[in-house]
């Protein structure tokens, strides 16, 4: 490999050709002719010391060296975007961390376009956990909890209620037909819904999973019945609710944030969007309105 420094301009051209699969397609994004692009790519290959593309009439495909350069060039691209946003006075490296349980995280992730846009001056990171994440120590910026926060340095906003009910797979086979249940082991066993299931049907729990997703798959396959939040069970067309919501398992839904951080621009934006999203779907969370099939 040549000792001359690889320029970002050359890497940017390489990325366009690699992603679009050829010189002709990349002319529209680079504003250069195919001949000029070809010369620039050939010069980069000489500098690297290896071919970067397999050339064919059908287009360009990456060689092994090209695939390696692509990975490294994408890292440079991320860094350059961050540098540009810093130069322009944007806070592009700010990360807003949202802590929630598995099903709530899934729900928010499916609606990511309603809480985050590529133009936002921050990034989103989900922190999925059974236990409360310590927002006071900044392990997350926003948390969704089933109860009002008691910590002095935290603020809470009541969003609504959340219902749980019993679900089975639509096919009445195997464990469903026999009336047995699917439980959850590990950390999930400490959830209120898991303890309720154990207390009421523990002698008929014949299969378990150690995470909510495996429990859902077991139930959908007919291994038995289980308790799920209504917004999660009603959103899966493979499942059917077999009884009304369980009154003892109705909980509140709170948005929690740090007293000081909640006034920051980025956290405030996400909080406001989450409030709008969750309240718009309130009937789904309370079990009053089934979700559209997905």
C-alpha atoms as a PDB file:
ATOM      1  CA  UNK A   1       0.000   0.000   0.000  1.00  0.00           C
ATOM      2  CA  UNK A   2       1.277   3.461  -0.903  1.00  0.00           C
ATOM      3  CA  UNK A   3       2.408   5.673   1.954  1.00  0.00           C
ATOM      4  CA  UNK A   4       0.405   8.628   0.616  1.00  0.00           C
ATOM      5  CA  UNK A   5      -2.554   9.562   2.799  1.00  0.00           C
ATOM      6  CA  UNK A   6      -5.947   8.440   1.524  1.00  0.00           C
ATOM      7  CA  UNK A   7      -8.207  11.450   1.027  1.00  0.00           C
ATOM      8  CA  UNK A   8     -11.769  11.630   2.307  1.00  0.00           C
ATOM      9  CA  UNK A   9     -12.900  12.815  -1.141  1.00  0.00           C
ATOM     10  CA  UNK A  10     -11.618   9.578  -2.685  1.00  0.00           C
ATOM     11  CA  UNK A  11     -13.288   7.501   0.007  1.00  0.00           C
ATOM     12  CA  UNK A  12     -16.574   9.310  -0.543  1.00  0.00           C
ATOM     13  CA  UNK A  13     -16.456   8.509  -4.267  1.00  0.00           C
ATOM     14  CA  UNK A  14     -15.590   4.899  -3.479  1.00  0.00           C
ATOM     15  CA  UNK A  15     -18.602   4.660  -1.139  1.00  0.00           C
ATOM     16  CA  UNK A  16     -20.970   5.909  -3.844  1.00  0.00           C
ATOM     17  CA  UNK A  17     -19.677   3.458  -6.435  1.00  0.00           C
ATOM     18  CA  UNK A  18     -19.715   0.559  -3.949  1.00  0.00           C
ATOM     19  CA  UNK A  19     -23.241   1.266  -2.706  1.00  0.00           C
ATOM     20  CA  UNK A  20     -24.744   1.941  -6.130  1.00  0.00           C
ATOM     21  CA  UNK A  21     -22.950  -0.909  -7.868  1.00  0.00           C
ATOM     22  CA  UNK A  22     -21.192   0.898 -10.665  1.00  0.00           C
ATOM     23  CA  UNK A  23     -19.847   4.065 -12.227  1.00  0.00           C
ATOM     24  CA  UNK A  24     -22.953   5.040 -14.207  1.00  0.00           C
ATOM     25  CA  UNK A  25     -25.237   4.903 -11.182  1.00  0.00           C
ATOM     26  CA  UNK A  26     -22.776   6.953  -9.131  1.00  0.00           C
ATOM     27  CA  UNK A  27     -22.639   9.790 -11.655  1.00  0.00           C
ATOM     28  CA  UNK A  28     -25.942  11.177 -10.358  1.00  0.00           C
ATOM     29  CA  UNK A  29     -24.741  11.369  -6.742  1.00  0.00           C
ATOM     30  CA  UNK A  30     -21.181  12.536  -7.399  1.00  0.00           C
ATOM     31  CA  UNK A  31     -21.797  14.922 -10.285  1.00  0.00           C
ATOM     32  CA  UNK A  32     -18.846  13.387 -12.128  1.00  0.00           C
ATOM     33  CA  UNK A  33     -18.730  11.555 -15.437  1.00  0.00           C
ATOM     34  CA  UNK A  34     -18.257   7.816 -15.496  1.00  0.00           C
ATOM     35  CA  UNK A  35     -14.837   8.280 -17.077  1.00  0.00           C
ATOM     36  CA  UNK A  36     -13.678  10.619 -14.311  1.00  0.00           C
ATOM     37  CA  UNK A  37     -15.031   8.278 -11.642  1.00  0.00           C
ATOM     38  CA  UNK A  38     -13.261   5.364 -13.285  1.00  0.00           C
ATOM     39  CA  UNK A  39      -9.944   7.191 -13.168  1.00  0.00           C
ATOM     40  CA  UNK A  40     -10.423   8.152  -9.506  1.00  0.00           C
ATOM     41  CA  UNK A  41     -11.313   4.578  -8.536  1.00  0.00           C
ATOM     42  CA  UNK A  42      -8.329   3.202 -10.466  1.00  0.00           C
ATOM     43  CA  UNK A  43      -6.049   5.681  -8.695  1.00  0.00           C
ATOM     44  CA  UNK A  44      -7.426   4.615  -5.321  1.00  0.00           C
ATOM     45  CA  UNK A  45      -6.809   0.969  -6.224  1.00  0.00           C
ATOM     46  CA  UNK A  46      -3.202   1.762  -7.078  1.00  0.00           C
ATOM     47  CA  UNK A  47      -2.834   3.536  -3.766  1.00  0.00           C
ATOM     48  CA  UNK A  48      -4.348   0.569  -1.880  1.00  0.00           C
ATOM     49  CA  UNK A  49      -2.303  -1.873  -3.932  1.00  0.00           C
ATOM     50  CA  UNK A  50      -5.198  -4.214  -4.712  1.00  0.00           C
ATOM     51  CA  UNK A  51      -8.305  -4.235  -6.934  1.00  0.00           C
ATOM     52  CA  UNK A  52     -11.378  -3.002  -5.058  1.00  0.00           C
ATOM     53  CA  UNK A  53     -14.011  -4.106  -7.576  1.00  0.00           C
ATOM     54  CA  UNK A  54     -14.839  -7.000  -9.857  1.00  0.00           C
ATOM     55  CA  UNK A  55     -15.861  -5.225 -13.069  1.00  0.00           C
ATOM     56  CA  UNK A  56     -18.587  -6.696 -15.296  1.00  0.00           C
ATOM     57  CA  UNK A  57     -21.200  -5.447 -17.757  1.00  0.00           C
ATOM     58  CA  UNK A  58     -23.824  -6.027 -15.066  1.00  0.00           C
ATOM     59  CA  UNK A  59     -22.032  -3.704 -12.644  1.00  0.00           C
ATOM     60  CA  UNK A  60     -19.319  -3.498 -10.028  1.00  0.00           C
ATOM     61  CA  UNK A  61     -19.044  -5.892  -7.089  1.00  0.00           C
ATOM     62  CA  UNK A  62     -16.563  -5.601  -4.256  1.00  0.00           C
ATOM     63  CA  UNK A  63     -13.466  -7.734  -3.943  1.00  0.00           C
ATOM     64  CA  UNK A  64     -12.320  -8.870  -0.500  1.00  0.00           C
ATOM     65  CA  UNK A  65     -10.124  -5.777  -0.265  1.00  0.00           C
ATOM     66  CA  UNK A  66     -13.073  -3.666  -1.376  1.00  0.00           C
ATOM     67  CA  UNK A  67     -15.283  -5.115   1.354  1.00  0.00           C
ATOM     68  CA  UNK A  68     -12.615  -4.351   3.948  1.00  0.00           C
ATOM     69  CA  UNK A  69     -12.215  -0.792   2.669  1.00  0.00           C
ATOM     70  CA  UNK A  70     -15.993  -0.338   2.680  1.00  0.00           C
ATOM     71  CA  UNK A  71     -16.175  -1.164   6.386  1.00  0.00           C
ATOM     72  CA  UNK A  72     -13.351   1.217   7.191  1.00  0.00           C
ATOM     73  CA  UNK A  73     -14.673   3.959   4.899  1.00  0.00           C
ATOM     74  CA  UNK A  74     -18.079   3.805   6.589  1.00  0.00           C
ATOM     75  CA  UNK A  75     -16.354   4.372   9.944  1.00  0.00           C
ATOM     76  CA  UNK A  76     -14.645   7.430   8.478  1.00  0.00           C
ATOM     77  CA  UNK A  77     -17.977   8.622   7.068  1.00  0.00           C
ATOM     78  CA  UNK A  78     -19.606   8.479  10.506  1.00  0.00           C
ATOM     79  CA  UNK A  79     -16.703  10.401  12.022  1.00  0.00           C
ATOM     80  CA  UNK A  80     -16.817  13.042   9.292  1.00  0.00           C
ATOM     81  CA  UNK A  81     -20.544  13.559   9.743  1.00  0.00           C
ATOM     82  CA  UNK A  82     -20.028  13.998  13.471  1.00  0.00           C
ATOM     83  CA  UNK A  83     -17.230  16.492  12.825  1.00  0.00           C
ATOM     84  CA  UNK A  84     -19.371  18.445  10.368  1.00  0.00           C
ATOM     85  CA  UNK A  85     -22.269  18.644  12.807  1.00  0.00           C
ATOM     86  CA  UNK A  86     -19.887  19.809  15.545  1.00  0.00           C
ATOM     87  CA  UNK A  87     -18.508  22.474  13.209  1.00  0.00           C
ATOM     88  CA  UNK A  88     -22.030  23.639  12.415  1.00  0.00           C
ATOM     89  CA  UNK A  89     -22.877  23.955  16.087  1.00  0.00           C
ATOM     90  CA  UNK A  90     -25.096  20.895  16.314  1.00  0.00           C
ATOM     91  CA  UNK A  91     -24.955  18.408  19.168  1.00  0.00           C
ATOM     92  CA  UNK A  92     -24.696  15.369  16.961  1.00  0.00           C
ATOM     93  CA  UNK A  93     -23.053  13.174  19.567  1.00  0.00           C
ATOM     94  CA  UNK A  94     -25.811  13.563  22.177  1.00  0.00           C
ATOM     95  CA  UNK A  95     -27.454  10.207  22.865  1.00  0.00           C
ATOM     96  CA  UNK A  96     -30.882  10.021  24.501  1.00  0.00           C
ATOM     97  CA  UNK A  97     -31.196   6.659  26.255  1.00  0.00           C
ATOM     98  CA  UNK A  98     -34.676   5.207  26.761  1.00  0.00           C
ATOM     99  CA  UNK A  99     -35.108   2.477  29.366  1.00  0.00           C
ATOM    100  CA  UNK A 100     -38.125   0.168  29.221  1.00  0.00           C
ATOM    101  CA  UNK A 101     -39.167  -3.458  29.447  1.00  0.00           C
ATOM    102  CA  UNK A 102     -38.994  -5.777  26.457  1.00  0.00           C
ATOM    103  CA  UNK A 103     -42.510  -5.276  25.135  1.00  0.00           C
ATOM    104  CA  UNK A 104     -42.555  -1.513  25.619  1.00  0.00           C
ATOM    105  CA  UNK A 105     -39.172  -1.231  23.908  1.00  0.00           C
ATOM    106  CA  UNK A 106     -40.534  -3.255  20.978  1.00  0.00           C
ATOM    107  CA  UNK A 107     -43.559  -1.004  20.714  1.00  0.00           C
ATOM    108  CA  UNK A 108     -41.508   2.196  20.705  1.00  0.00           C
ATOM    109  CA  UNK A 109     -39.033   0.704  18.235  1.00  0.00           C
ATOM    110  CA  UNK A 110     -41.880  -0.045  15.806  1.00  0.00           C
ATOM    111  CA  UNK A 111     -42.824   3.635  16.014  1.00  0.00           C
ATOM    112  CA  UNK A 112     -39.286   5.025  15.877  1.00  0.00           C
ATOM    113  CA  UNK A 113     -40.272   7.503  13.175  1.00  0.00           C
ATOM    114  CA  UNK A 114     -42.598   9.208  15.641  1.00  0.00           C
ATOM    115  CA  UNK A 115     -39.907   9.868  18.247  1.00  0.00           C
ATOM    116  CA  UNK A 116     -36.747  10.331  16.166  1.00  0.00           C
ATOM    117  CA  UNK A 117     -35.793  11.730  12.777  1.00  0.00           C
ATOM    118  CA  UNK A 118     -32.456  11.692  10.995  1.00  0.00           C
ATOM    119  CA  UNK A 119     -32.408  15.485  11.182  1.00  0.00           C
ATOM    120  CA  UNK A 120     -32.595  15.484  15.000  1.00  0.00           C
ATOM    121  CA  UNK A 121     -29.477  16.735  16.855  1.00  0.00           C
ATOM    122  CA  UNK A 122     -29.251  13.514  18.864  1.00  0.00           C
ATOM    123  CA  UNK A 123     -29.274   9.750  18.575  1.00  0.00           C
ATOM    124  CA  UNK A 124     -31.528   7.233  20.307  1.00  0.00           C
ATOM    125  CA  UNK A 125     -30.384   4.230  22.324  1.00  0.00           C
ATOM    126  CA  UNK A 126     -32.700   1.678  23.912  1.00  0.00           C
ATOM    127  CA  UNK A 127     -31.830   0.117  27.265  1.00  0.00           C
ATOM    128  CA  UNK A 128     -34.050  -2.941  27.701  1.00  0.00           C
ATOM    129  CA  UNK A 129     -34.175  -4.314  31.231  1.00  0.00           C
ATOM    130  CA  UNK A 130     -36.446  -6.070  33.706  1.00  0.00           C
ATOM    131  CA  UNK A 131     -35.160  -4.042  36.640  1.00  0.00           C
ATOM    132  CA  UNK A 132     -35.339  -0.278  37.022  1.00  0.00           C
ATOM    133  CA  UNK A 133     -32.374   1.419  35.376  1.00  0.00           C
ATOM    134  CA  UNK A 134     -30.789   4.060  37.603  1.00  0.00           C
ATOM    135  CA  UNK A 135     -31.805   7.298  35.886  1.00  0.00           C
ATOM    136  CA  UNK A 136     -30.489   9.279  38.831  1.00  0.00           C
ATOM    137  CA  UNK A 137     -26.971   8.117  37.979  1.00  0.00           C
ATOM    138  CA  UNK A 138     -27.576   8.865  34.282  1.00  0.00           C
ATOM    139  CA  UNK A 139     -27.667   5.204  33.232  1.00  0.00           C
ATOM    140  CA  UNK A 140     -30.642   6.276  31.117  1.00  0.00           C
ATOM    141  CA  UNK A 141     -32.276   9.605  30.308  1.00  0.00           C
ATOM    142  CA  UNK A 142     -35.891   8.451  30.132  1.00  0.00           C
ATOM    143  CA  UNK A 143     -37.558   5.452  31.717  1.00  0.00           C
ATOM    144  CA  UNK A 144     -40.987   3.887  31.347  1.00  0.00           C
ATOM    145  CA  UNK A 145     -42.130   2.480  34.665  1.00  0.00           C
ATOM    146  CA  UNK A 146     -45.224   0.931  36.203  1.00  0.00           C
ATOM    147  CA  UNK A 147     -45.240   3.247  39.230  1.00  0.00           C
ATOM    148  CA  UNK A 148     -44.547   6.833  40.239  1.00  0.00           C
ATOM    149  CA  UNK A 149     -40.825   7.401  40.899  1.00  0.00           C
ATOM    150  CA  UNK A 150     -39.942   7.740  44.571  1.00  0.00           C
ATOM    151  CA  UNK A 151     -36.385   9.038  44.126  1.00  0.00           C
ATOM    152  CA  UNK A 152     -36.072  12.735  45.019  1.00  0.00           C
ATOM    153  CA  UNK A 153     -34.047  13.639  41.937  1.00  0.00           C
ATOM    154  CA  UNK A 154     -36.498  12.092  39.457  1.00  0.00           C
ATOM    155  CA  UNK A 155     -39.605  13.536  37.834  1.00  0.00           C
ATOM    156  CA  UNK A 156     -42.537  11.442  36.671  1.00  0.00           C
ATOM    157  CA  UNK A 157     -45.430  12.000  34.299  1.00  0.00           C
ATOM    158  CA  UNK A 158     -48.446   9.688  34.404  1.00  0.00           C
ATOM    159  CA  UNK A 159     -49.286   8.579  30.862  1.00  0.00           C
ATOM    160  CA  UNK A 160     -52.103   6.111  31.462  1.00  0.00           C
ATOM    161  CA  UNK A 161     -52.890   2.536  32.439  1.00  0.00           C
ATOM    162  CA  UNK A 162     -51.594  -0.797  31.204  1.00  0.00           C
ATOM    163  CA  UNK A 163     -53.608  -4.039  31.186  1.00  0.00           C
ATOM    164  CA  UNK A 164     -52.556  -7.696  31.069  1.00  0.00           C
ATOM    165  CA  UNK A 165     -54.568 -10.690  29.890  1.00  0.00           C
ATOM    166  CA  UNK A 166     -54.301 -14.387  29.099  1.00  0.00           C
ATOM    167  CA  UNK A 167     -53.286 -15.352  25.564  1.00  0.00           C
ATOM    168  CA  UNK A 168     -53.080 -18.541  23.535  1.00  0.00           C
ATOM    169  CA  UNK A 169     -52.017 -19.449  20.033  1.00  0.00           C
ATOM    170  CA  UNK A 170     -54.838 -19.383  17.495  1.00  0.00           C
ATOM    171  CA  UNK A 171     -54.379 -23.072  16.793  1.00  0.00           C
ATOM    172  CA  UNK A 172     -55.879 -25.070  19.660  1.00  0.00           C
ATOM    173  CA  UNK A 173     -53.173 -27.695  19.671  1.00  0.00           C
ATOM    174  CA  UNK A 174     -50.697 -29.299  22.032  1.00  0.00           C
ATOM    175  CA  UNK A 175     -50.495 -27.485  25.374  1.00  0.00           C
ATOM    176  CA  UNK A 176     -53.295 -25.047  24.569  1.00  0.00           C
ATOM    177  CA  UNK A 177     -55.762 -27.890  24.097  1.00  0.00           C
ATOM    178  CA  UNK A 178     -54.550 -29.479  27.327  1.00  0.00           C
ATOM    179  CA  UNK A 179     -54.913 -26.215  29.251  1.00  0.00           C
ATOM    180  CA  UNK A 180     -51.297 -25.945  30.361  1.00  0.00           C
ATOM    181  CA  UNK A 181     -49.196 -22.813  30.633  1.00  0.00           C
ATOM    182  CA  UNK A 182     -45.911 -21.316  29.472  1.00  0.00           C
ATOM    183  CA  UNK A 183     -43.879 -19.490  32.102  1.00  0.00           C
ATOM    184  CA  UNK A 184     -40.733 -17.414  32.141  1.00  0.00           C
ATOM    185  CA  UNK A 185     -37.555 -18.182  34.057  1.00  0.00           C
ATOM    186  CA  UNK A 186     -34.564 -16.114  35.094  1.00  0.00           C
ATOM    187  CA  UNK A 187     -34.954 -12.394  35.759  1.00  0.00           C
ATOM    188  CA  UNK A 188     -38.371 -12.335  34.087  1.00  0.00           C
ATOM    189  CA  UNK A 189     -39.749 -14.611  36.794  1.00  0.00           C
ATOM    190  CA  UNK A 190     -39.763 -11.607  39.145  1.00  0.00           C
ATOM    191  CA  UNK A 191     -42.196  -9.643  37.001  1.00  0.00           C
ATOM    192  CA  UNK A 192     -45.608  -9.096  38.578  1.00  0.00           C
ATOM    193  CA  UNK A 193     -47.335 -10.965  35.741  1.00  0.00           C
ATOM    194  CA  UNK A 194     -44.952 -13.920  36.120  1.00  0.00           C
ATOM    195  CA  UNK A 195     -45.561 -14.115  39.861  1.00  0.00           C
ATOM    196  CA  UNK A 196     -49.333 -13.985  39.253  1.00  0.00           C
ATOM    197  CA  UNK A 197     -49.124 -16.830  36.753  1.00  0.00           C
ATOM    198  CA  UNK A 198     -47.035 -18.887  39.151  1.00  0.00           C
ATOM    199  CA  UNK A 199     -49.434 -18.236  42.032  1.00  0.00           C
ATOM    200  CA  UNK A 200     -52.556 -19.146  40.069  1.00  0.00           C
ATOM    201  CA  UNK A 201     -51.370 -21.795  37.597  1.00  0.00           C
ATOM    202  CA  UNK A 202     -47.888 -22.812  38.766  1.00  0.00           C
ATOM    203  CA  UNK A 203     -48.765 -26.514  38.884  1.00  0.00           C
ATOM    204  CA  UNK A 204     -49.656 -26.439  35.179  1.00  0.00           C
ATOM    205  CA  UNK A 205     -46.607 -24.554  33.845  1.00  0.00           C
ATOM    206  CA  UNK A 206     -44.949 -27.245  31.751  1.00  0.00           C
ATOM    207  CA  UNK A 207     -42.695 -25.160  29.504  1.00  0.00           C
ATOM    208  CA  UNK A 208     -40.670 -22.009  30.144  1.00  0.00           C
ATOM    209  CA  UNK A 209     -38.525 -19.535  28.295  1.00  0.00           C
ATOM    210  CA  UNK A 210     -35.921 -17.261  29.822  1.00  0.00           C
ATOM    211  CA  UNK A 211     -36.962 -14.203  27.802  1.00  0.00           C
ATOM    212  CA  UNK A 212     -40.337 -12.780  26.702  1.00  0.00           C
ATOM    213  CA  UNK A 213     -39.711 -13.448  23.009  1.00  0.00           C
ATOM    214  CA  UNK A 214     -39.194 -17.170  23.505  1.00  0.00           C
ATOM    215  CA  UNK A 215     -42.338 -17.322  25.666  1.00  0.00           C
ATOM    216  CA  UNK A 216     -44.331 -15.623  22.924  1.00  0.00           C
ATOM    217  CA  UNK A 217     -43.003 -18.047  20.305  1.00  0.00           C
ATOM    218  CA  UNK A 218     -43.893 -21.030  22.488  1.00  0.00           C
ATOM    219  CA  UNK A 219     -47.416 -19.743  22.989  1.00  0.00           C
ATOM    220  CA  UNK A 220     -47.867 -18.965  19.294  1.00  0.00           C
ATOM    221  CA  UNK A 221     -46.742 -22.525  18.484  1.00  0.00           C
ATOM    222  CA  UNK A 222     -49.370 -23.984  20.817  1.00  0.00           C
ATOM    223  CA  UNK A 223     -47.230 -24.962  23.811  1.00  0.00           C
ATOM    224  CA  UNK A 224     -49.704 -23.401  26.228  1.00  0.00           C
ATOM    225  CA  UNK A 225     -51.221 -20.192  27.524  1.00  0.00           C
ATOM    226  CA  UNK A 226     -49.494 -17.250  29.181  1.00  0.00           C
ATOM    227  CA  UNK A 227     -50.043 -13.740  30.497  1.00  0.00           C
ATOM    228  CA  UNK A 228     -48.947 -10.810  28.327  1.00  0.00           C
ATOM    229  CA  UNK A 229     -49.491  -7.060  28.318  1.00  0.00           C
ATOM    230  CA  UNK A 230     -52.532  -6.466  26.128  1.00  0.00           C
ATOM    231  CA  UNK A 231     -50.653  -4.130  23.795  1.00  0.00           C
ATOM    232  CA  UNK A 232     -48.139  -6.929  23.110  1.00  0.00           C
ATOM    233  CA  UNK A 233     -50.598  -9.812  22.837  1.00  0.00           C
ATOM    234  CA  UNK A 234     -53.148  -7.937  20.729  1.00  0.00           C
ATOM    235  CA  UNK A 235     -50.401  -6.800  18.344  1.00  0.00           C
ATOM    236  CA  UNK A 236     -49.498 -10.372  17.375  1.00  0.00           C
ATOM    237  CA  UNK A 237     -51.997 -11.874  14.946  1.00  0.00           C
ATOM    238  CA  UNK A 238     -50.827 -15.375  15.884  1.00  0.00           C
ATOM    239  CA  UNK A 239     -52.251 -14.920  19.380  1.00  0.00           C
ATOM    240  CA  UNK A 240     -55.770 -14.623  20.715  1.00  0.00           C
ATOM    241  CA  UNK A 241     -56.923 -13.174  24.026  1.00  0.00           C
ATOM    242  CA  UNK A 242     -58.873 -15.885  25.849  1.00  0.00           C
ATOM    243  CA  UNK A 243     -60.193 -13.903  28.838  1.00  0.00           C
ATOM    244  CA  UNK A 244     -60.813 -10.288  29.895  1.00  0.00           C
ATOM    245  CA  UNK A 245     -57.902  -8.279  31.305  1.00  0.00           C
ATOM    246  CA  UNK A 246     -56.755  -9.403  34.755  1.00  0.00           C
ATOM    247  CA  UNK A 247     -57.769  -6.692  37.229  1.00  0.00           C
ATOM    248  CA  UNK A 248     -54.948  -7.469  39.685  1.00  0.00           C
ATOM    249  CA  UNK A 249     -52.340  -6.869  36.997  1.00  0.00           C
ATOM    250  CA  UNK A 250     -53.489  -3.442  35.849  1.00  0.00           C
ATOM    251  CA  UNK A 251     -50.637  -0.982  36.334  1.00  0.00           C
ATOM    252  CA  UNK A 252     -49.929   2.658  35.716  1.00  0.00           C
ATOM    253  CA  UNK A 253     -47.599   3.848  32.998  1.00  0.00           C
ATOM    254  CA  UNK A 254     -45.134   6.558  33.982  1.00  0.00           C
ATOM    255  CA  UNK A 255     -42.524   8.447  31.995  1.00  0.00           C
ATOM    256  CA  UNK A 256     -39.578   9.104  34.295  1.00  0.00           C
ATOM    257  CA  UNK A 257     -36.628  11.432  33.811  1.00  0.00           C
ATOM    258  CA  UNK A 258     -34.033  13.291  35.841  1.00  0.00           C
ATOM    259  CA  UNK A 259     -35.270  16.540  37.390  1.00  0.00           C
ATOM    260  CA  UNK A 260     -32.530  18.532  35.684  1.00  0.00           C
ATOM    261  CA  UNK A 261     -32.030  16.607  32.449  1.00  0.00           C
ATOM    262  CA  UNK A 262     -35.732  16.722  31.528  1.00  0.00           C
ATOM    263  CA  UNK A 263     -35.392  20.415  30.698  1.00  0.00           C
ATOM    264  CA  UNK A 264     -32.585  19.795  28.212  1.00  0.00           C
ATOM    265  CA  UNK A 265     -33.544  20.294  24.591  1.00  0.00           C
ATOM    266  CA  UNK A 266     -32.945  16.733  23.401  1.00  0.00           C
ATOM    267  CA  UNK A 267     -34.555  14.929  26.334  1.00  0.00           C
ATOM    268  CA  UNK A 268     -37.517  17.315  26.232  1.00  0.00           C
ATOM    269  CA  UNK A 269     -38.071  16.597  22.545  1.00  0.00           C
ATOM    270  CA  UNK A 270     -38.109  12.853  23.105  1.00  0.00           C
ATOM    271  CA  UNK A 271     -40.313  13.123  26.204  1.00  0.00           C
ATOM    272  CA  UNK A 272     -42.901  15.175  24.345  1.00  0.00           C
ATOM    273  CA  UNK A 273     -42.931  12.755  21.435  1.00  0.00           C
ATOM    274  CA  UNK A 274     -43.252   9.729  23.708  1.00  0.00           C
ATOM    275  CA  UNK A 275     -46.196  11.323  25.527  1.00  0.00           C
ATOM    276  CA  UNK A 276     -47.924  11.943  22.213  1.00  0.00           C
ATOM    277  CA  UNK A 277     -47.218   8.414  20.949  1.00  0.00           C
ATOM    278  CA  UNK A 278     -48.280   6.563  24.086  1.00  0.00           C
ATOM    279  CA  UNK A 279     -51.427   8.598  24.645  1.00  0.00           C
ATOM    280  CA  UNK A 280     -52.456   8.140  21.025  1.00  0.00           C
ATOM    281  CA  UNK A 281     -52.401   4.387  21.643  1.00  0.00           C
ATOM    282  CA  UNK A 282     -53.952   4.465  25.115  1.00  0.00           C
ATOM    283  CA  UNK A 283     -56.861   2.109  24.216  1.00  0.00           C
ATOM    284  CA  UNK A 284     -54.350  -0.490  23.051  1.00  0.00           C
ATOM    285  CA  UNK A 285     -52.459  -0.349  26.355  1.00  0.00           C
ATOM    286  CA  UNK A 286     -55.650  -0.603  28.413  1.00  0.00           C
ATOM    287  CA  UNK A 287     -56.877  -3.590  26.388  1.00  0.00           C
ATOM    288  CA  UNK A 288     -59.896  -1.746  25.005  1.00  0.00           C
ATOM    289  CA  UNK A 289     -58.831  -1.690  21.371  1.00  0.00           C
ATOM    290  CA  UNK A 290     -57.057  -4.536  19.557  1.00  0.00           C
ATOM    291  CA  UNK A 291     -54.058  -3.528  17.469  1.00  0.00           C
ATOM    292  CA  UNK A 292     -54.057  -3.853  13.693  1.00  0.00           C
ATOM    293  CA  UNK A 293     -52.704  -7.223  12.592  1.00  0.00           C
ATOM    294  CA  UNK A 294     -48.978  -7.197  11.929  1.00  0.00           C
END
